[in-house]
């Protein structure tokens, strides 16, 4: 008996043919550059930032301010400004060391109450004129705060003022959309220990300042209303941390972009499969992906590169993947040009 192949046992090649496999693989995805539309990479280690470069990162938007890095709560306005300045001072060195483009988003996060936020808003206009600042945020109304609550109307006023600045300076806004956290096993952890992988003191969350059955979604609705109130076009709003709770509203009732945070899927439960489902349902035109990597979280600098391959495995074609991970953030944030 004559065999077509020298192997004793049947092989994949005998079943489908080597040529069929080789010609079908989108090898361009191996070298596809990508843009991380939201992270805090300036707080990471040098090695983590190198991992971004090794994985093909073309550009990133580093959100300069976050209440996690302030020394106490509530937060003084000048501490937030020091966070802005630190990121500005280090940004160019990060580019020199790692060869990707690194730009900044500056904003007032409402995850904690800020004392004297008007002093920050007064200064923010000058910061918006810097070439390194390409977005305002992350910001947005949050239902609960850390340590001390912040009244809803005062939060909204701060968010609305930032959106007005974005409109005045023709900048996009990174919107922090609240999520419900999850854990891997479905069994709760000891409350006094908090969530492994998230270095935030447990038990210091305040009661919600938004009533109703779905405060997280209501917060997003309030943010979109604020953008409309000050004349900021909805397509200049990028809703980060998109999830099943807000996708339908944002895609069907607004013109906002959605950015799916996949750098810590174990925490918020969003994975590349959710991104693929959204592309199937709504197309790739208003969808992005981000890692939200930060030094208070167990996060993965390789997450976005892995997502490129996962999206293809889930049936998304290479052109749509390129649009989601590169072209959309490039256009909205003027990155990686």
C-alpha atoms as a PDB file:
ATOM      1  CA  UNK A   1       0.000   0.000   0.000  1.00  0.00           C
ATOM      2  CA  UNK A   2       1.294   3.433  -0.966  1.00  0.00           C
ATOM      3  CA  UNK A   3       0.968   6.219   1.575  1.00  0.00           C
ATOM      4  CA  UNK A   4       0.591   9.885   0.601  1.00  0.00           C
ATOM      5  CA  UNK A   5       2.590  10.874   3.690  1.00  0.00           C
ATOM      6  CA  UNK A   6       5.476   9.155   5.466  1.00  0.00           C
ATOM      7  CA  UNK A   7       3.678   9.146   8.819  1.00  0.00           C
ATOM      8  CA  UNK A   8       2.359   5.908  10.276  1.00  0.00           C
ATOM      9  CA  UNK A   9      -0.752   7.518  11.792  1.00  0.00           C
ATOM     10  CA  UNK A  10      -3.219   9.953  10.177  1.00  0.00           C
ATOM     11  CA  UNK A  11      -2.261  13.612  10.438  1.00  0.00           C
ATOM     12  CA  UNK A  12      -4.039  16.919  10.144  1.00  0.00           C
ATOM     13  CA  UNK A  13      -2.310  17.452   6.843  1.00  0.00           C
ATOM     14  CA  UNK A  14      -3.866  14.287   5.487  1.00  0.00           C
ATOM     15  CA  UNK A  15      -7.335  15.504   6.463  1.00  0.00           C
ATOM     16  CA  UNK A  16      -7.367  19.126   5.360  1.00  0.00           C
ATOM     17  CA  UNK A  17      -4.150  19.682   3.450  1.00  0.00           C
ATOM     18  CA  UNK A  18      -1.191  21.846   4.387  1.00  0.00           C
ATOM     19  CA  UNK A  19      -1.992  24.476   1.772  1.00  0.00           C
ATOM     20  CA  UNK A  20      -5.479  25.113   3.163  1.00  0.00           C
ATOM     21  CA  UNK A  21      -4.087  25.853   6.610  1.00  0.00           C
ATOM     22  CA  UNK A  22      -1.233  28.055   5.447  1.00  0.00           C
ATOM     23  CA  UNK A  23      -3.301  30.199   3.101  1.00  0.00           C
ATOM     24  CA  UNK A  24      -6.076  30.852   5.649  1.00  0.00           C
ATOM     25  CA  UNK A  25      -3.967  32.231   8.488  1.00  0.00           C
ATOM     26  CA  UNK A  26      -3.933  36.059   8.776  1.00  0.00           C
ATOM     27  CA  UNK A  27      -0.201  36.396   9.409  1.00  0.00           C
ATOM     28  CA  UNK A  28      -0.533  40.190   9.265  1.00  0.00           C
ATOM     29  CA  UNK A  29      -2.008  40.031  12.761  1.00  0.00           C
ATOM     30  CA  UNK A  30       1.419  39.015  14.080  1.00  0.00           C
ATOM     31  CA  UNK A  31       2.793  42.460  13.338  1.00  0.00           C
ATOM     32  CA  UNK A  32      -0.380  44.529  13.635  1.00  0.00           C
ATOM     33  CA  UNK A  33       0.378  47.632  15.713  1.00  0.00           C
ATOM     34  CA  UNK A  34      -2.198  48.584  18.314  1.00  0.00           C
ATOM     35  CA  UNK A  35      -3.134  51.485  20.563  1.00  0.00           C
ATOM     36  CA  UNK A  36      -4.120  51.188  24.216  1.00  0.00           C
ATOM     37  CA  UNK A  37      -6.932  53.712  24.600  1.00  0.00           C
ATOM     38  CA  UNK A  38      -6.786  53.862  28.415  1.00  0.00           C
ATOM     39  CA  UNK A  39      -4.143  52.837  30.899  1.00  0.00           C
ATOM     40  CA  UNK A  40      -2.084  54.142  33.805  1.00  0.00           C
ATOM     41  CA  UNK A  41       1.213  52.799  32.486  1.00  0.00           C
ATOM     42  CA  UNK A  42       3.269  55.562  34.102  1.00  0.00           C
ATOM     43  CA  UNK A  43       2.504  53.846  37.425  1.00  0.00           C
ATOM     44  CA  UNK A  44       3.773  50.471  36.214  1.00  0.00           C
ATOM     45  CA  UNK A  45       7.274  49.055  36.369  1.00  0.00           C
ATOM     46  CA  UNK A  46       9.839  49.662  33.638  1.00  0.00           C
ATOM     47  CA  UNK A  47       9.570  45.963  32.755  1.00  0.00           C
ATOM     48  CA  UNK A  48       5.799  46.175  32.325  1.00  0.00           C
ATOM     49  CA  UNK A  49       6.160  49.090  29.942  1.00  0.00           C
ATOM     50  CA  UNK A  50       8.758  47.107  28.011  1.00  0.00           C
ATOM     51  CA  UNK A  51       6.209  44.302  27.708  1.00  0.00           C
ATOM     52  CA  UNK A  52       3.893  46.759  25.973  1.00  0.00           C
ATOM     53  CA  UNK A  53       6.623  47.511  23.453  1.00  0.00           C
ATOM     54  CA  UNK A  54       7.475  43.852  22.927  1.00  0.00           C
ATOM     55  CA  UNK A  55       3.806  43.107  22.255  1.00  0.00           C
ATOM     56  CA  UNK A  56       3.633  45.684  19.457  1.00  0.00           C
ATOM     57  CA  UNK A  57       2.108  48.713  21.177  1.00  0.00           C
ATOM     58  CA  UNK A  58       2.231  51.669  18.771  1.00  0.00           C
ATOM     59  CA  UNK A  59       0.804  54.261  21.153  1.00  0.00           C
ATOM     60  CA  UNK A  60      -0.971  54.597  24.469  1.00  0.00           C
ATOM     61  CA  UNK A  61      -3.128  57.083  26.309  1.00  0.00           C
ATOM     62  CA  UNK A  62      -1.970  57.263  29.910  1.00  0.00           C
ATOM     63  CA  UNK A  63      -4.610  58.621  32.282  1.00  0.00           C
ATOM     64  CA  UNK A  64      -2.562  60.813  34.584  1.00  0.00           C
ATOM     65  CA  UNK A  65      -4.805  61.083  37.606  1.00  0.00           C
ATOM     66  CA  UNK A  66      -6.405  58.465  39.781  1.00  0.00           C
ATOM     67  CA  UNK A  67      -7.475  58.620  43.380  1.00  0.00           C
ATOM     68  CA  UNK A  68      -5.616  55.376  44.135  1.00  0.00           C
ATOM     69  CA  UNK A  69      -2.284  57.253  44.223  1.00  0.00           C
ATOM     70  CA  UNK A  70      -3.274  60.100  46.508  1.00  0.00           C
ATOM     71  CA  UNK A  71      -1.902  59.954  50.066  1.00  0.00           C
ATOM     72  CA  UNK A  72      -5.239  60.344  51.849  1.00  0.00           C
ATOM     73  CA  UNK A  73      -8.971  60.768  51.316  1.00  0.00           C
ATOM     74  CA  UNK A  74     -10.754  63.080  50.709  1.00  0.00           C
ATOM     75  CA  UNK A  75      -8.222  64.419  48.246  1.00  0.00           C
ATOM     76  CA  UNK A  76      -6.854  67.925  48.083  1.00  0.00           C
ATOM     77  CA  UNK A  77      -6.910  69.541  44.655  1.00  0.00           C
ATOM     78  CA  UNK A  78      -3.195  70.212  44.710  1.00  0.00           C
ATOM     79  CA  UNK A  79      -2.471  66.491  45.089  1.00  0.00           C
ATOM     80  CA  UNK A  80      -4.379  65.745  41.899  1.00  0.00           C
ATOM     81  CA  UNK A  81      -2.389  68.462  40.174  1.00  0.00           C
ATOM     82  CA  UNK A  82       0.860  66.908  41.410  1.00  0.00           C
ATOM     83  CA  UNK A  83      -0.273  63.652  39.783  1.00  0.00           C
ATOM     84  CA  UNK A  84      -0.829  65.487  36.504  1.00  0.00           C
ATOM     85  CA  UNK A  85       2.583  67.111  36.717  1.00  0.00           C
ATOM     86  CA  UNK A  86       4.346  63.842  37.550  1.00  0.00           C
ATOM     87  CA  UNK A  87       2.911  62.147  34.464  1.00  0.00           C
ATOM     88  CA  UNK A  88       3.809  65.141  32.298  1.00  0.00           C
ATOM     89  CA  UNK A  89       7.372  65.141  33.628  1.00  0.00           C
ATOM     90  CA  UNK A  90       7.865  61.415  32.951  1.00  0.00           C
ATOM     91  CA  UNK A  91       6.022  61.038  29.649  1.00  0.00           C
ATOM     92  CA  UNK A  92       8.890  61.903  27.290  1.00  0.00           C
ATOM     93  CA  UNK A  93      11.283  59.562  29.094  1.00  0.00           C
ATOM     94  CA  UNK A  94       8.754  56.731  28.724  1.00  0.00           C
ATOM     95  CA  UNK A  95       8.662  57.349  24.974  1.00  0.00           C
ATOM     96  CA  UNK A  96      12.468  57.406  24.752  1.00  0.00           C
ATOM     97  CA  UNK A  97      12.826  54.197  26.711  1.00  0.00           C
ATOM     98  CA  UNK A  98      10.172  52.141  24.980  1.00  0.00           C
ATOM     99  CA  UNK A  99       9.718  53.672  21.495  1.00  0.00           C
ATOM    100  CA  UNK A 100       5.913  53.805  21.554  1.00  0.00           C
ATOM    101  CA  UNK A 101       4.043  57.108  21.584  1.00  0.00           C
ATOM    102  CA  UNK A 102       2.717  58.035  25.031  1.00  0.00           C
ATOM    103  CA  UNK A 103       0.162  60.811  25.414  1.00  0.00           C
ATOM    104  CA  UNK A 104      -1.924  61.890  28.386  1.00  0.00           C
ATOM    105  CA  UNK A 105      -5.465  62.231  29.591  1.00  0.00           C
ATOM    106  CA  UNK A 106      -6.002  64.610  32.509  1.00  0.00           C
ATOM    107  CA  UNK A 107      -9.180  64.757  34.511  1.00  0.00           C
ATOM    108  CA  UNK A 108     -10.951  64.835  37.842  1.00  0.00           C
ATOM    109  CA  UNK A 109     -12.056  61.338  38.823  1.00  0.00           C
ATOM    110  CA  UNK A 110     -15.101  61.255  41.089  1.00  0.00           C
ATOM    111  CA  UNK A 111     -14.190  57.967  42.768  1.00  0.00           C
ATOM    112  CA  UNK A 112     -13.304  60.071  45.793  1.00  0.00           C
ATOM    113  CA  UNK A 113     -14.418  63.502  46.862  1.00  0.00           C
ATOM    114  CA  UNK A 114     -12.015  66.236  45.790  1.00  0.00           C
ATOM    115  CA  UNK A 115     -11.696  69.277  48.008  1.00  0.00           C
ATOM    116  CA  UNK A 116     -11.839  72.581  46.103  1.00  0.00           C
ATOM    117  CA  UNK A 117     -12.301  71.052  42.631  1.00  0.00           C
ATOM    118  CA  UNK A 118     -12.847  74.506  41.124  1.00  0.00           C
ATOM    119  CA  UNK A 119      -9.141  75.229  41.521  1.00  0.00           C
ATOM    120  CA  UNK A 120      -8.405  72.234  39.314  1.00  0.00           C
ATOM    121  CA  UNK A 121     -10.991  73.262  36.754  1.00  0.00           C
ATOM    122  CA  UNK A 122      -9.484  76.757  36.633  1.00  0.00           C
ATOM    123  CA  UNK A 123      -6.045  75.315  35.912  1.00  0.00           C
ATOM    124  CA  UNK A 124      -7.157  72.621  33.492  1.00  0.00           C
ATOM    125  CA  UNK A 125      -7.587  74.969  30.539  1.00  0.00           C
ATOM    126  CA  UNK A 126      -3.842  75.688  30.469  1.00  0.00           C
ATOM    127  CA  UNK A 127      -3.046  71.974  30.678  1.00  0.00           C
ATOM    128  CA  UNK A 128      -5.360  71.329  27.727  1.00  0.00           C
ATOM    129  CA  UNK A 129      -3.079  73.481  25.590  1.00  0.00           C
ATOM    130  CA  UNK A 130      -0.123  71.116  26.058  1.00  0.00           C
ATOM    131  CA  UNK A 131       0.790  68.958  23.061  1.00  0.00           C
ATOM    132  CA  UNK A 132       1.120  65.961  25.376  1.00  0.00           C
ATOM    133  CA  UNK A 133      -2.518  66.198  26.511  1.00  0.00           C
ATOM    134  CA  UNK A 134      -4.867  64.606  23.975  1.00  0.00           C
ATOM    135  CA  UNK A 135      -7.935  63.895  26.130  1.00  0.00           C
ATOM    136  CA  UNK A 136      -9.794  64.938  29.255  1.00  0.00           C
ATOM    137  CA  UNK A 137     -10.488  62.197  31.737  1.00  0.00           C
ATOM    138  CA  UNK A 138     -11.057  59.797  32.967  1.00  0.00           C
ATOM    139  CA  UNK A 139     -14.086  61.341  34.547  1.00  0.00           C
ATOM    140  CA  UNK A 140     -17.781  60.717  34.988  1.00  0.00           C
ATOM    141  CA  UNK A 141     -20.367  60.448  37.717  1.00  0.00           C
ATOM    142  CA  UNK A 142     -19.841  57.461  40.033  1.00  0.00           C
ATOM    143  CA  UNK A 143     -22.563  56.014  42.284  1.00  0.00           C
ATOM    144  CA  UNK A 144     -20.244  55.394  45.258  1.00  0.00           C
ATOM    145  CA  UNK A 145     -16.998  56.899  46.463  1.00  0.00           C
ATOM    146  CA  UNK A 146     -14.033  55.758  48.506  1.00  0.00           C
ATOM    147  CA  UNK A 147     -14.001  56.928  52.147  1.00  0.00           C
ATOM    148  CA  UNK A 148     -16.381  59.880  51.826  1.00  0.00           C
ATOM    149  CA  UNK A 149     -19.388  60.424  49.564  1.00  0.00           C
ATOM    150  CA  UNK A 150     -19.654  63.152  46.954  1.00  0.00           C
ATOM    151  CA  UNK A 151     -23.146  64.527  46.338  1.00  0.00           C
ATOM    152  CA  UNK A 152     -24.539  63.711  42.913  1.00  0.00           C
ATOM    153  CA  UNK A 153     -25.188  67.307  41.831  1.00  0.00           C
ATOM    154  CA  UNK A 154     -21.677  68.371  42.825  1.00  0.00           C
ATOM    155  CA  UNK A 155     -20.211  65.457  40.917  1.00  0.00           C
ATOM    156  CA  UNK A 156     -22.278  66.304  37.868  1.00  0.00           C
ATOM    157  CA  UNK A 157     -21.151  69.940  38.000  1.00  0.00           C
ATOM    158  CA  UNK A 158     -17.487  68.857  37.987  1.00  0.00           C
ATOM    159  CA  UNK A 159     -18.041  66.387  35.152  1.00  0.00           C
ATOM    160  CA  UNK A 160     -20.021  68.908  33.113  1.00  0.00           C
ATOM    161  CA  UNK A 161     -17.320  71.545  33.550  1.00  0.00           C
ATOM    162  CA  UNK A 162     -14.703  69.126  32.219  1.00  0.00           C
ATOM    163  CA  UNK A 163     -16.881  68.314  29.238  1.00  0.00           C
ATOM    164  CA  UNK A 164     -17.245  72.035  28.538  1.00  0.00           C
ATOM    165  CA  UNK A 165     -13.452  72.341  28.566  1.00  0.00           C
ATOM    166  CA  UNK A 166     -13.223  69.408  26.169  1.00  0.00           C
ATOM    167  CA  UNK A 167     -15.660  71.117  23.811  1.00  0.00           C
ATOM    168  CA  UNK A 168     -13.734  74.387  24.032  1.00  0.00           C
ATOM    169  CA  UNK A 169     -10.383  72.709  23.312  1.00  0.00           C
ATOM    170  CA  UNK A 170     -11.696  70.158  20.795  1.00  0.00           C
ATOM    171  CA  UNK A 171     -10.578  67.235  22.923  1.00  0.00           C
ATOM    172  CA  UNK A 172     -12.281  63.874  23.472  1.00  0.00           C
ATOM    173  CA  UNK A 173     -13.401  62.774  26.929  1.00  0.00           C
ATOM    174  CA  UNK A 174     -12.584  59.406  28.496  1.00  0.00           C
ATOM    175  CA  UNK A 175     -15.689  58.466  30.414  1.00  0.00           C
ATOM    176  CA  UNK A 176     -15.349  56.194  33.440  1.00  0.00           C
ATOM    177  CA  UNK A 177     -18.410  53.948  33.353  1.00  0.00           C
ATOM    178  CA  UNK A 178     -19.060  52.040  36.589  1.00  0.00           C
ATOM    179  CA  UNK A 179     -18.973  48.228  36.580  1.00  0.00           C
ATOM    180  CA  UNK A 180     -20.121  45.512  38.909  1.00  0.00           C
ATOM    181  CA  UNK A 181     -17.017  43.620  40.067  1.00  0.00           C
ATOM    182  CA  UNK A 182     -16.824  39.845  39.795  1.00  0.00           C
ATOM    183  CA  UNK A 183     -14.468  37.187  41.042  1.00  0.00           C
ATOM    184  CA  UNK A 184     -13.208  33.964  39.524  1.00  0.00           C
ATOM    185  CA  UNK A 185     -14.860  31.333  41.643  1.00  0.00           C
ATOM    186  CA  UNK A 186     -18.295  32.704  42.411  1.00  0.00           C
ATOM    187  CA  UNK A 187     -17.644  32.375  46.131  1.00  0.00           C
ATOM    188  CA  UNK A 188     -17.143  35.556  48.175  1.00  0.00           C
ATOM    189  CA  UNK A 189     -13.805  36.360  49.742  1.00  0.00           C
ATOM    190  CA  UNK A 190     -13.339  37.368  53.367  1.00  0.00           C
ATOM    191  CA  UNK A 191     -14.658  40.946  53.429  1.00  0.00           C
ATOM    192  CA  UNK A 192     -11.815  42.202  55.580  1.00  0.00           C
ATOM    193  CA  UNK A 193      -9.285  41.098  52.941  1.00  0.00           C
ATOM    194  CA  UNK A 194     -10.919  42.625  49.881  1.00  0.00           C
ATOM    195  CA  UNK A 195     -10.440  41.320  46.347  1.00  0.00           C
ATOM    196  CA  UNK A 196      -7.066  39.659  45.609  1.00  0.00           C
ATOM    197  CA  UNK A 197      -5.281  41.572  42.893  1.00  0.00           C
ATOM    198  CA  UNK A 198      -6.860  44.921  43.741  1.00  0.00           C
ATOM    199  CA  UNK A 199      -4.896  46.862  46.355  1.00  0.00           C
ATOM    200  CA  UNK A 200      -7.672  49.022  47.699  1.00  0.00           C
ATOM    201  CA  UNK A 201      -8.627  49.093  51.361  1.00  0.00           C
ATOM    202  CA  UNK A 202     -11.829  47.026  51.719  1.00  0.00           C
ATOM    203  CA  UNK A 203     -14.889  48.252  53.493  1.00  0.00           C
ATOM    204  CA  UNK A 204     -14.395  51.959  52.765  1.00  0.00           C
ATOM    205  CA  UNK A 205     -16.967  52.320  50.002  1.00  0.00           C
ATOM    206  CA  UNK A 206     -19.803  54.742  50.708  1.00  0.00           C
ATOM    207  CA  UNK A 207     -23.507  54.254  50.214  1.00  0.00           C
ATOM    208  CA  UNK A 208     -24.706  55.025  46.653  1.00  0.00           C
ATOM    209  CA  UNK A 209     -25.573  58.632  45.873  1.00  0.00           C
ATOM    210  CA  UNK A 210     -27.787  57.467  42.974  1.00  0.00           C
ATOM    211  CA  UNK A 211     -31.103  55.806  43.751  1.00  0.00           C
ATOM    212  CA  UNK A 212     -32.797  53.119  41.702  1.00  0.00           C
ATOM    213  CA  UNK A 213     -32.260  49.569  40.527  1.00  0.00           C
ATOM    214  CA  UNK A 214     -29.340  50.322  38.205  1.00  0.00           C
ATOM    215  CA  UNK A 215     -27.149  53.155  39.544  1.00  0.00           C
ATOM    216  CA  UNK A 216     -24.254  52.233  37.230  1.00  0.00           C
ATOM    217  CA  UNK A 217     -26.339  52.731  34.099  1.00  0.00           C
ATOM    218  CA  UNK A 218     -27.996  55.855  35.475  1.00  0.00           C
ATOM    219  CA  UNK A 219     -24.543  57.363  36.022  1.00  0.00           C
ATOM    220  CA  UNK A 220     -23.744  56.879  32.329  1.00  0.00           C
ATOM    221  CA  UNK A 221     -27.045  58.475  31.307  1.00  0.00           C
ATOM    222  CA  UNK A 222     -26.270  61.490  33.506  1.00  0.00           C
ATOM    223  CA  UNK A 223     -22.841  61.816  31.871  1.00  0.00           C
ATOM    224  CA  UNK A 224     -24.275  61.770  28.350  1.00  0.00           C
ATOM    225  CA  UNK A 225     -26.871  64.364  29.355  1.00  0.00           C
ATOM    226  CA  UNK A 226     -24.036  66.545  30.706  1.00  0.00           C
ATOM    227  CA  UNK A 227     -22.176  66.290  27.391  1.00  0.00           C
ATOM    228  CA  UNK A 228     -25.295  67.324  25.515  1.00  0.00           C
ATOM    229  CA  UNK A 229     -25.893  70.199  27.921  1.00  0.00           C
ATOM    230  CA  UNK A 230     -22.524  71.812  27.165  1.00  0.00           C
ATOM    231  CA  UNK A 231     -22.487  71.049  23.449  1.00  0.00           C
ATOM    232  CA  UNK A 232     -19.857  68.299  23.442  1.00  0.00           C
ATOM    233  CA  UNK A 233     -20.573  66.010  20.507  1.00  0.00           C
ATOM    234  CA  UNK A 234     -21.335  62.482  21.642  1.00  0.00           C
ATOM    235  CA  UNK A 235     -18.803  61.054  19.189  1.00  0.00           C
ATOM    236  CA  UNK A 236     -16.137  62.868  21.250  1.00  0.00           C
ATOM    237  CA  UNK A 237     -17.032  60.745  24.278  1.00  0.00           C
ATOM    238  CA  UNK A 238     -15.266  57.398  24.745  1.00  0.00           C
ATOM    239  CA  UNK A 239     -17.073  55.270  27.318  1.00  0.00           C
ATOM    240  CA  UNK A 240     -14.342  53.189  28.903  1.00  0.00           C
ATOM    241  CA  UNK A 241     -15.129  49.988  30.858  1.00  0.00           C
ATOM    242  CA  UNK A 242     -18.065  49.201  28.550  1.00  0.00           C
ATOM    243  CA  UNK A 243     -19.983  46.126  29.682  1.00  0.00           C
ATOM    244  CA  UNK A 244     -23.251  44.253  29.279  1.00  0.00           C
ATOM    245  CA  UNK A 245     -24.957  46.783  31.530  1.00  0.00           C
ATOM    246  CA  UNK A 246     -24.381  49.758  29.243  1.00  0.00           C
ATOM    247  CA  UNK A 247     -23.645  48.473  25.714  1.00  0.00           C
ATOM    248  CA  UNK A 248     -27.230  48.596  24.467  1.00  0.00           C
ATOM    249  CA  UNK A 249     -27.852  52.119  25.752  1.00  0.00           C
ATOM    250  CA  UNK A 250     -24.575  53.530  24.460  1.00  0.00           C
ATOM    251  CA  UNK A 251     -24.724  51.881  21.047  1.00  0.00           C
ATOM    252  CA  UNK A 252     -28.414  52.339  20.342  1.00  0.00           C
ATOM    253  CA  UNK A 253     -29.238  55.650  22.028  1.00  0.00           C
ATOM    254  CA  UNK A 254     -25.982  57.614  21.721  1.00  0.00           C
ATOM    255  CA  UNK A 255     -23.148  58.246  19.272  1.00  0.00           C
ATOM    256  CA  UNK A 256     -20.455  57.581  21.887  1.00  0.00           C
ATOM    257  CA  UNK A 257     -17.548  55.232  21.333  1.00  0.00           C
ATOM    258  CA  UNK A 258     -17.216  52.145  23.509  1.00  0.00           C
ATOM    259  CA  UNK A 259     -13.878  51.001  24.910  1.00  0.00           C
ATOM    260  CA  UNK A 260     -13.824  47.530  26.416  1.00  0.00           C
ATOM    261  CA  UNK A 261     -11.393  47.119  29.305  1.00  0.00           C
ATOM    262  CA  UNK A 262      -9.795  43.685  29.067  1.00  0.00           C
ATOM    263  CA  UNK A 263      -6.634  44.109  31.150  1.00  0.00           C
ATOM    264  CA  UNK A 264      -8.290  42.731  34.281  1.00  0.00           C
ATOM    265  CA  UNK A 265     -11.107  40.483  33.106  1.00  0.00           C
ATOM    266  CA  UNK A 266     -11.003  38.645  36.426  1.00  0.00           C
ATOM    267  CA  UNK A 267     -12.260  41.811  38.132  1.00  0.00           C
ATOM    268  CA  UNK A 268     -15.019  43.190  35.897  1.00  0.00           C
ATOM    269  CA  UNK A 269     -15.774  40.122  33.813  1.00  0.00           C
ATOM    270  CA  UNK A 270     -15.238  41.681  30.358  1.00  0.00           C
ATOM    271  CA  UNK A 271     -13.321  39.512  27.867  1.00  0.00           C
ATOM    272  CA  UNK A 272     -12.451  39.524  24.151  1.00  0.00           C
ATOM    273  CA  UNK A 273     -15.577  37.405  23.624  1.00  0.00           C
ATOM    274  CA  UNK A 274     -17.671  40.396  24.725  1.00  0.00           C
ATOM    275  CA  UNK A 275     -15.794  42.583  22.244  1.00  0.00           C
ATOM    276  CA  UNK A 276     -16.451  40.075  19.468  1.00  0.00           C
ATOM    277  CA  UNK A 277     -20.152  39.943  20.345  1.00  0.00           C
ATOM    278  CA  UNK A 278     -20.383  43.738  20.214  1.00  0.00           C
ATOM    279  CA  UNK A 279     -18.661  43.819  16.812  1.00  0.00           C
ATOM    280  CA  UNK A 280     -21.067  41.188  15.513  1.00  0.00           C
ATOM    281  CA  UNK A 281     -24.054  43.166  16.798  1.00  0.00           C
ATOM    282  CA  UNK A 282     -23.030  46.747  15.994  1.00  0.00           C
ATOM    283  CA  UNK A 283     -20.006  46.621  13.707  1.00  0.00           C
ATOM    284  CA  UNK A 284     -16.474  47.884  14.466  1.00  0.00           C
ATOM    285  CA  UNK A 285     -16.955  51.599  13.761  1.00  0.00           C
ATOM    286  CA  UNK A 286     -17.389  52.779  17.375  1.00  0.00           C
ATOM    287  CA  UNK A 287     -15.522  50.130  19.338  1.00  0.00           C
ATOM    288  CA  UNK A 288     -12.075  50.210  20.966  1.00  0.00           C
ATOM    289  CA  UNK A 289     -10.166  48.061  23.458  1.00  0.00           C
ATOM    290  CA  UNK A 290      -8.053  49.144  26.428  1.00  0.00           C
ATOM    291  CA  UNK A 291      -6.093  47.487  29.239  1.00  0.00           C
ATOM    292  CA  UNK A 292      -6.548  49.996  32.111  1.00  0.00           C
ATOM    293  CA  UNK A 293      -3.276  48.580  33.470  1.00  0.00           C
ATOM    294  CA  UNK A 294      -2.283  50.219  36.741  1.00  0.00           C
ATOM    295  CA  UNK A 295      -0.021  49.384  39.654  1.00  0.00           C
ATOM    296  CA  UNK A 296      -2.920  48.854  42.072  1.00  0.00           C
ATOM    297  CA  UNK A 297      -4.290  46.012  39.942  1.00  0.00           C
ATOM    298  CA  UNK A 298      -3.258  42.582  38.782  1.00  0.00           C
ATOM    299  CA  UNK A 299      -3.248  43.482  35.119  1.00  0.00           C
ATOM    300  CA  UNK A 300      -1.720  42.176  31.905  1.00  0.00           C
ATOM    301  CA  UNK A 301       0.305  44.334  29.480  1.00  0.00           C
ATOM    302  CA  UNK A 302      -0.087  41.541  26.903  1.00  0.00           C
ATOM    303  CA  UNK A 303      -3.899  41.566  27.136  1.00  0.00           C
ATOM    304  CA  UNK A 304      -4.521  43.634  24.035  1.00  0.00           C
ATOM    305  CA  UNK A 305      -2.124  41.642  21.869  1.00  0.00           C
ATOM    306  CA  UNK A 306      -3.775  38.434  23.045  1.00  0.00           C
ATOM    307  CA  UNK A 307      -7.164  39.956  22.264  1.00  0.00           C
ATOM    308  CA  UNK A 308      -6.122  40.497  18.636  1.00  0.00           C
ATOM    309  CA  UNK A 309      -5.695  36.753  18.225  1.00  0.00           C
ATOM    310  CA  UNK A 310      -8.775  35.926  20.267  1.00  0.00           C
ATOM    311  CA  UNK A 311     -10.966  38.205  18.134  1.00  0.00           C
ATOM    312  CA  UNK A 312      -9.831  36.360  15.030  1.00  0.00           C
ATOM    313  CA  UNK A 313     -10.490  33.004  16.690  1.00  0.00           C
ATOM    314  CA  UNK A 314     -14.011  34.241  17.492  1.00  0.00           C
ATOM    315  CA  UNK A 315     -14.637  34.934  13.819  1.00  0.00           C
ATOM    316  CA  UNK A 316     -13.835  38.655  13.518  1.00  0.00           C
ATOM    317  CA  UNK A 317     -12.031  39.429  10.264  1.00  0.00           C
ATOM    318  CA  UNK A 318      -8.627  41.074  10.201  1.00  0.00           C
ATOM    319  CA  UNK A 319      -9.857  44.401   8.808  1.00  0.00           C
ATOM    320  CA  UNK A 320     -12.378  44.806  11.633  1.00  0.00           C
ATOM    321  CA  UNK A 321      -9.736  43.900  14.214  1.00  0.00           C
ATOM    322  CA  UNK A 322      -7.394  46.518  12.793  1.00  0.00           C
ATOM    323  CA  UNK A 323     -10.131  49.136  12.977  1.00  0.00           C
ATOM    324  CA  UNK A 324     -10.925  48.347  16.620  1.00  0.00           C
ATOM    325  CA  UNK A 325      -7.371  48.128  17.993  1.00  0.00           C
ATOM    326  CA  UNK A 326      -5.675  50.755  15.816  1.00  0.00           C
ATOM    327  CA  UNK A 327      -7.713  52.941  13.493  1.00  0.00           C
ATOM    328  CA  UNK A 328     -10.498  54.006  15.864  1.00  0.00           C
ATOM    329  CA  UNK A 329      -8.248  55.168  18.733  1.00  0.00           C
ATOM    330  CA  UNK A 330      -5.842  56.693  16.205  1.00  0.00           C
ATOM    331  CA  UNK A 331      -8.616  58.832  14.772  1.00  0.00           C
ATOM    332  CA  UNK A 332     -10.340  59.825  18.018  1.00  0.00           C
ATOM    333  CA  UNK A 333      -7.219  60.578  20.057  1.00  0.00           C
ATOM    334  CA  UNK A 334      -4.852  61.563  17.198  1.00  0.00           C
ATOM    335  CA  UNK A 335      -2.412  58.869  18.315  1.00  0.00           C
ATOM    336  CA  UNK A 336       0.014  56.721  16.399  1.00  0.00           C
ATOM    337  CA  UNK A 337      -0.036  58.878  13.265  1.00  0.00           C
END
